[in-house]
Structure formats: structure tokens, C-alpha cells
C-alpha atoms as a PDB file:
ATOM      1  CA  MET A   1     -15.084  27.348  15.781  1.00  0.00           C
ATOM      2  CA  LYS A   2     -14.936  30.078  13.151  1.00  0.00           C
ATOM      3  CA  LYS A   3     -17.801  30.265  10.668  1.00  0.00           C
ATOM      4  CA  ARG A   4     -16.732  29.740   7.043  1.00  0.00           C
ATOM      5  CA  SER A   5     -17.347  32.552   4.592  1.00  0.00           C
ATOM      6  CA  PHE A   6     -19.662  32.230   1.598  1.00  0.00           C
ATOM      7  CA  PHE A   7     -16.636  31.979  -0.721  1.00  0.00           C
ATOM      8  CA  GLU A   8     -15.034  29.235   1.415  1.00  0.00           C
ATOM      9  CA  ARG A   9     -18.274  27.228   1.413  1.00  0.00           C
ATOM     10  CA  LEU A  10     -18.722  27.748  -2.351  1.00  0.00           C
ATOM     11  CA  THR A  11     -15.201  26.699  -3.344  1.00  0.00           C
ATOM     12  CA  GLY A  12     -14.424  24.287  -0.526  1.00  0.00           C
ATOM     13  CA  SER A  13     -11.355  26.332   0.412  1.00  0.00           C
ATOM     14  CA  VAL A  14     -10.234  27.174   3.910  1.00  0.00           C
ATOM     15  CA  ASN A  15      -8.960  30.417   5.345  1.00  0.00           C
ATOM     16  CA  ILE A  16      -5.406  30.222   6.663  1.00  0.00           C
ATOM     17  CA  ASP A  17      -4.230  33.027   8.870  1.00  0.00           C
ATOM     18  CA  ASP A  18      -0.789  34.647   8.657  1.00  0.00           C
ATOM     19  CA  GLU A  19       0.577  32.652  11.623  1.00  0.00           C
ATOM     20  CA  GLU A  20      -0.284  29.316   9.953  1.00  0.00           C
ATOM     21  CA  ILE A  21       1.350  30.449   6.699  1.00  0.00           C
ATOM     22  CA  GLN A  22       4.500  31.471   8.594  1.00  0.00           C
ATOM     23  CA  GLU A  23       4.606  28.094  10.436  1.00  0.00           C
ATOM     24  CA  MET A  24       4.235  26.157   7.160  1.00  0.00           C
ATOM     25  CA  ALA A  25       6.978  28.221   5.501  1.00  0.00           C
ATOM     26  CA  GLU A  26       9.356  27.696   8.441  1.00  0.00           C
ATOM     27  CA  SER A  27       8.633  23.963   8.535  1.00  0.00           C
ATOM     28  CA  GLN A  28       9.304  23.631   4.813  1.00  0.00           C
ATOM     29  CA  SER A  29      12.499  25.677   5.147  1.00  0.00           C
ATOM     30  CA  ARG A  30      13.730  23.434   7.991  1.00  0.00           C
ATOM     31  CA  SER A  31      12.986  20.339   5.905  1.00  0.00           C
ATOM     32  CA  VAL A  32      14.877  21.663   2.867  1.00  0.00           C
ATOM     33  CA  THR A  33      17.799  22.757   5.060  1.00  0.00           C
ATOM     34  CA  ALA A  34      17.960  19.311   6.714  1.00  0.00           C
ATOM     35  CA  GLN A  35      17.908  17.580   3.314  1.00  0.00           C
ATOM     36  CA  ALA A  36      20.668  19.855   2.016  1.00  0.00           C
ATOM     37  CA  ALA A  37      22.768  19.251   5.134  1.00  0.00           C
ATOM     38  CA  GLY A  38      22.381  15.487   4.750  1.00  0.00           C
ATOM     39  CA  TYR A  39      23.221  15.722   1.060  1.00  0.00           C
ATOM     40  CA  ASN A  40      26.385  17.716   1.709  1.00  0.00           C
ATOM     41  CA  GLN A  41      27.486  15.235   4.381  1.00  0.00           C
ATOM     42  CA  GLY A  42      27.406  12.358   1.928  1.00  0.00           C
ATOM     43  CA  HIS A  43      23.920  11.157   2.821  1.00  0.00           C
ATOM     44  CA  SER A  44      22.466  11.424  -0.666  1.00  0.00           C
ATOM     45  CA  THR A  45      18.960  10.330   0.299  1.00  0.00           C
ATOM     46  CA  TRP A  46      17.642  11.411  -3.082  1.00  0.00           C
ATOM     47  CA  MET A  47      19.483   8.466  -4.673  1.00  0.00           C
ATOM     48  CA  GLU A  48      18.816   5.843  -2.030  1.00  0.00           C
ATOM     49  CA  GLU A  49      15.929   3.464  -1.582  1.00  0.00           C
ATOM     50  CA  PRO A  50      14.521   2.946   1.929  1.00  0.00           C
ATOM     51  CA  SER A  51      16.578  -0.258   2.105  1.00  0.00           C
ATOM     52  CA  GLY A  52      19.785   1.790   1.817  1.00  0.00           C
ATOM     53  CA  GLU A  53      20.533   0.585  -1.713  1.00  0.00           C
ATOM     54  CA  GLY A  54      21.025   3.038  -4.517  1.00  0.00           C
ATOM     55  CA  GLN A  55      18.652   2.858  -7.461  1.00  0.00           C
ATOM     56  CA  LEU A  56      20.055   2.736 -10.984  1.00  0.00           C
ATOM     57  CA  ALA A  57      18.838   5.168 -13.597  1.00  0.00           C
ATOM     58  CA  VAL A  58      17.902   3.251 -16.749  1.00  0.00           C
ATOM     59  CA  ASP A  59      16.791   3.748 -20.325  1.00  0.00           C
ATOM     60  CA  VAL A  60      14.450   1.079 -21.701  1.00  0.00           C
ATOM     61  CA  HIS A  61      13.412   1.044 -25.352  1.00  0.00           C
ATOM     62  CA  GLN A  62      12.271  -1.468 -27.927  1.00  0.00           C
ATOM     63  CA  THR A  63      13.289  -2.430 -31.400  1.00  0.00           C
ATOM     64  CA  PRO A  64      11.204  -4.658 -33.660  1.00  0.00           C
ATOM     65  CA  ASP A  65      12.943  -7.721 -32.176  1.00  0.00           C
ATOM     66  CA  ASP A  66      14.300  -6.742 -28.734  1.00  0.00           C
ATOM     67  CA  ILE A  67      13.718  -4.799 -25.560  1.00  0.00           C
ATOM     68  CA  VAL A  68      16.927  -2.931 -24.720  1.00  0.00           C
ATOM     69  CA  VAL A  69      17.869  -1.839 -21.190  1.00  0.00           C
ATOM     70  CA  ARG A  70      20.808   0.552 -20.751  1.00  0.00           C
ATOM     71  CA  THR A  71      22.354   1.886 -17.563  1.00  0.00           C
ATOM     72  CA  MET A  72      25.617   3.496 -16.490  1.00  0.00           C
ATOM     73  CA  ILE A  73      27.732   1.413 -14.096  1.00  0.00           C
ATOM     74  CA  PRO A  74      31.233   2.943 -14.189  1.00  0.00           C
ATOM     75  CA  GLY A  75      33.603   1.641 -11.559  1.00  0.00           C
ATOM     76  CA  VAL A  76      31.738  -1.647 -11.124  1.00  0.00           C
ATOM     77  CA  LYS A  77      33.561  -4.896 -11.831  1.00  0.00           C
ATOM     78  CA  LYS A  78      31.763  -7.358 -14.106  1.00  0.00           C
ATOM     79  CA  GLU A  79      31.845 -10.013 -11.396  1.00  0.00           C
ATOM     80  CA  ASP A  80      30.049  -7.612  -9.013  1.00  0.00           C
ATOM     81  CA  ILE A  81      26.988  -7.346 -11.307  1.00  0.00           C
ATOM     82  CA  ASP A  82      24.043  -9.733 -10.918  1.00  0.00           C
ATOM     83  CA  ILE A  83      21.344  -9.691 -13.610  1.00  0.00           C
ATOM     84  CA  ALA A  84      18.214 -11.806 -13.120  1.00  0.00           C
ATOM     85  CA  VAL A  85      15.812 -12.058 -16.051  1.00  0.00           C
ATOM     86  CA  SER A  86      12.326 -13.540 -16.049  1.00  0.00           C
ATOM     87  CA  ARG A  87       9.801 -13.489 -18.877  1.00  0.00           C
ATOM     88  CA  ASP A  88       8.285 -10.204 -17.660  1.00  0.00           C
ATOM     89  CA  SER A  89      10.932  -8.436 -15.539  1.00  0.00           C
ATOM     90  CA  ILE A  90      14.632  -7.835 -15.072  1.00  0.00           C
ATOM     91  CA  THR A  91      16.579  -7.092 -11.883  1.00  0.00           C
ATOM     92  CA  ILE A  92      20.057  -5.569 -11.955  1.00  0.00           C
ATOM     93  CA  LYS A  93      22.067  -5.650  -8.714  1.00  0.00           C
ATOM     94  CA  GLY A  94      25.626  -4.744  -7.944  1.00  0.00           C
ATOM     95  CA  LYS A  95      28.063  -2.958  -5.721  1.00  0.00           C
ATOM     96  CA  ARG A  96      30.326   0.002  -6.378  1.00  0.00           C
ATOM     97  CA  MET A  97      33.252   0.106  -3.961  1.00  0.00           C
ATOM     98  CA  ASN A  98      35.176   3.266  -3.091  1.00  0.00           C
ATOM     99  CA  GLU A  99      38.781   2.127  -2.854  1.00  0.00           C
ATOM    100  CA  ARG A 100      40.243   5.492  -1.842  1.00  0.00           C
ATOM    101  CA  GLU A 101      38.460   6.759   1.206  1.00  0.00           C
ATOM    102  CA  ALA A 102      39.198  10.285   2.336  1.00  0.00           C
ATOM    103  CA  LYS A 103      38.307  11.501   5.778  1.00  0.00           C
ATOM    104  CA  GLU A 104      34.758  12.823   6.071  1.00  0.00           C
ATOM    105  CA  GLU A 105      35.988  16.299   7.054  1.00  0.00           C
ATOM    106  CA  ASP A 106      38.213  16.489   3.940  1.00  0.00           C
ATOM    107  CA  TYR A 107      35.245  16.425   1.509  1.00  0.00           C
ATOM    108  CA  PHE A 108      33.919  19.624  -0.028  1.00  0.00           C
ATOM    109  CA  TYR A 109      31.305  17.774  -2.108  1.00  0.00           C
ATOM    110  CA  ARG A 110      30.255  14.175  -1.899  1.00  0.00           C
ATOM    111  CA  GLU A 111      27.818  13.365  -4.705  1.00  0.00           C
ATOM    112  CA  LEU A 112      28.965   9.989  -6.019  1.00  0.00           C
ATOM    113  CA  TYR A 113      27.110   6.917  -4.830  1.00  0.00           C
ATOM    114  CA  TRP A 114      29.202   4.114  -3.322  1.00  0.00           C
ATOM    115  CA  GLY A 115      27.737   0.852  -2.126  1.00  0.00           C
ATOM    116  CA  ALA A 116      25.050  -1.603  -3.176  1.00  0.00           C
ATOM    117  CA  PHE A 117      22.521  -0.723  -5.871  1.00  0.00           C
ATOM    118  CA  SER A 118      19.637  -2.471  -7.572  1.00  0.00           C
ATOM    119  CA  ARG A 119      16.773  -1.881  -9.965  1.00  0.00           C
ATOM    120  CA  THR A 120      13.839  -4.062 -10.964  1.00  0.00           C
ATOM    121  CA  ILE A 121      12.016  -3.218 -14.169  1.00  0.00           C
ATOM    122  CA  GLN A 122       8.685  -4.627 -15.294  1.00  0.00           C
ATOM    123  CA  LEU A 123       8.977  -5.292 -19.015  1.00  0.00           C
ATOM    124  CA  PRO A 124       6.249  -4.209 -21.457  1.00  0.00           C
ATOM    125  CA  HIS A 125       6.459  -7.520 -23.400  1.00  0.00           C
ATOM    126  CA  GLU A 126       7.415 -11.077 -22.559  1.00  0.00           C
ATOM    127  CA  VAL A 127      10.999 -11.913 -23.436  1.00  0.00           C
ATOM    128  CA  ASP A 128      12.975 -15.038 -24.315  1.00  0.00           C
ATOM    129  CA  ILE A 129      15.245 -15.434 -21.298  1.00  0.00           C
ATOM    130  CA  GLU A 130      17.501 -17.930 -23.093  1.00  0.00           C
ATOM    131  CA  GLY A 131      18.394 -15.388 -25.797  1.00  0.00           C
ATOM    132  CA  ALA A 132      19.173 -12.479 -23.447  1.00  0.00           C
ATOM    133  CA  GLU A 133      22.644 -10.965 -23.617  1.00  0.00           C
ATOM    134  CA  ALA A 134      24.491  -8.274 -21.648  1.00  0.00           C
ATOM    135  CA  THR A 135      27.497  -6.217 -22.743  1.00  0.00           C
ATOM    136  CA  GLU A 136      29.504  -3.464 -21.060  1.00  0.00           C
ATOM    137  CA  ASN A 137      31.472  -0.770 -22.855  1.00  0.00           C
ATOM    138  CA  GLN A 138      33.177   2.108 -20.997  1.00  0.00           C
ATOM    139  CA  GLY A 139      30.732   1.888 -18.088  1.00  0.00           C
ATOM    140  CA  LEU A 140      27.572   1.558 -20.211  1.00  0.00           C
ATOM    141  CA  LEU A 141      25.736  -1.712 -19.523  1.00  0.00           C
ATOM    142  CA  THR A 142      23.476  -2.751 -22.401  1.00  0.00           C
ATOM    143  CA  ILE A 143      21.090  -5.681 -22.019  1.00  0.00           C
ATOM    144  CA  LYS A 144      19.234  -7.020 -25.074  1.00  0.00           C
ATOM    145  CA  LEU A 145      16.177  -9.118 -24.367  1.00  0.00           C
ATOM    146  CA  PRO A 146      14.582 -10.815 -27.417  1.00  0.00           C
ATOM    147  CA  ARG A 147      10.831 -10.216 -27.512  1.00  0.00           C
ATOM    148  CA  ILE A 148       8.505 -13.189 -27.728  1.00  0.00           C
ATOM    149  CA  ASP A 149       6.225 -12.826 -30.702  1.00  0.00           C
ATOM    150  CA  LYS A 150       2.863 -14.098 -29.482  1.00  0.00           C
ATOM    151  CA  ASP A 151       1.339 -13.682 -32.954  1.00  0.00           C
ATOM    152  CA  ARG A 152       3.915 -15.947 -34.592  1.00  0.00           C
ATOM    153  CA  GLN A 153       2.414 -19.114 -35.980  1.00  0.00           C
ATOM    154  CA  THR A 154       3.766 -22.257 -37.524  1.00  0.00           C
ATOM    155  CA  LYS A 155       2.196 -25.186 -39.340  1.00  0.00           C
ATOM    156  CA  LEU A 156       2.631 -28.689 -38.050  1.00  0.00           C
ATOM    157  CA  ARG A 157       2.534 -31.707 -40.301  1.00  0.00           C
ATOM    158  CA  VAL A 158       0.991 -34.871 -38.996  1.00  0.00           C
ATOM    159  CA  ARG A 159       3.340 -37.840 -39.134  1.00  0.00           C
ATOM    160  CA  SER A 160       2.390 -41.460 -39.122  1.00  0.00           C
ATOM    161  CA  LEU A 161       3.825 -43.624 -36.381  1.00  0.00           C
END
């Protein structure tokens, strides 16, 4: 076992020789090359969850009254979208079908995601699930979730029976 230098002991660093650096560089290069090859063959692992479903990109913002979730879903039929809302989360699921399938060898680039997708979002405030509404316009899905105002108060009058 090689004795660590004063500098290595002082900083907690380790000395890596040139062979180890070369091995790490080659390993990283192989990994990047394999990812690029998979990407170019239509295996866009950067968009897929481990379950094989794609994950939607979303924007979530709030207004004084609502939490608004927006996502792009072009090419998805309304009946193929499933939105589940609870008081503290929302799940959007769907499926985008490729109706014109070319042969694998005929593709130059294959970047579009086809198949099942989903996304679950934890909401920053509780929402009124009964007042939620979803609209779609030119592929943009917008979901408005009314916020529950926990500070809201009301006065009750006592009635005689």
C-alpha cells in the first residue's frame, strides 16, 4: 500500500495515476457513446422513466385563487388522457400513438416520444377537487385547481329548534 503524501493527508485527496485517469476517461466515453447510440436508435432513455413510461414536462404556477398546471400533449386524443386529482397531488396519464410507422432503418432521427406517459405532481397547497377544470387548446393542456383558503372564516348564527 502506497503511503499518502502530506498534501493528500491534509486535504483528504487521493493520488490517481495516469493509468487510472485513462481508464476513467475511456469508461465515460463508452457510456456516452452507448447513450448516444441508444438515443439515435429511438431508445430515448433520457425521456423515459424506469417503468418505460415517458414523463411529461410541466409548468406549475399559482394565482391568488388557483394552482395552474400546464403541459404539452400534442397528438393525444382527449379520451386517452386520465387526470386524477386529490387535495394535495395531481396525476396526468395518457398515451400518444404513432399511426404512421416507418421501418426502423428508414429513420435518420427519432426524437419524438410515442407510447404511454404519466406525471404525478405534489401540490404546494390543498385544492378543491370539485372545482378543478381541464382545457386543451392546440396541444396545450391547462388544468386549474382552486386553492383552499385555510384562513377563510365564516360566522355561524345559532338557531333555535
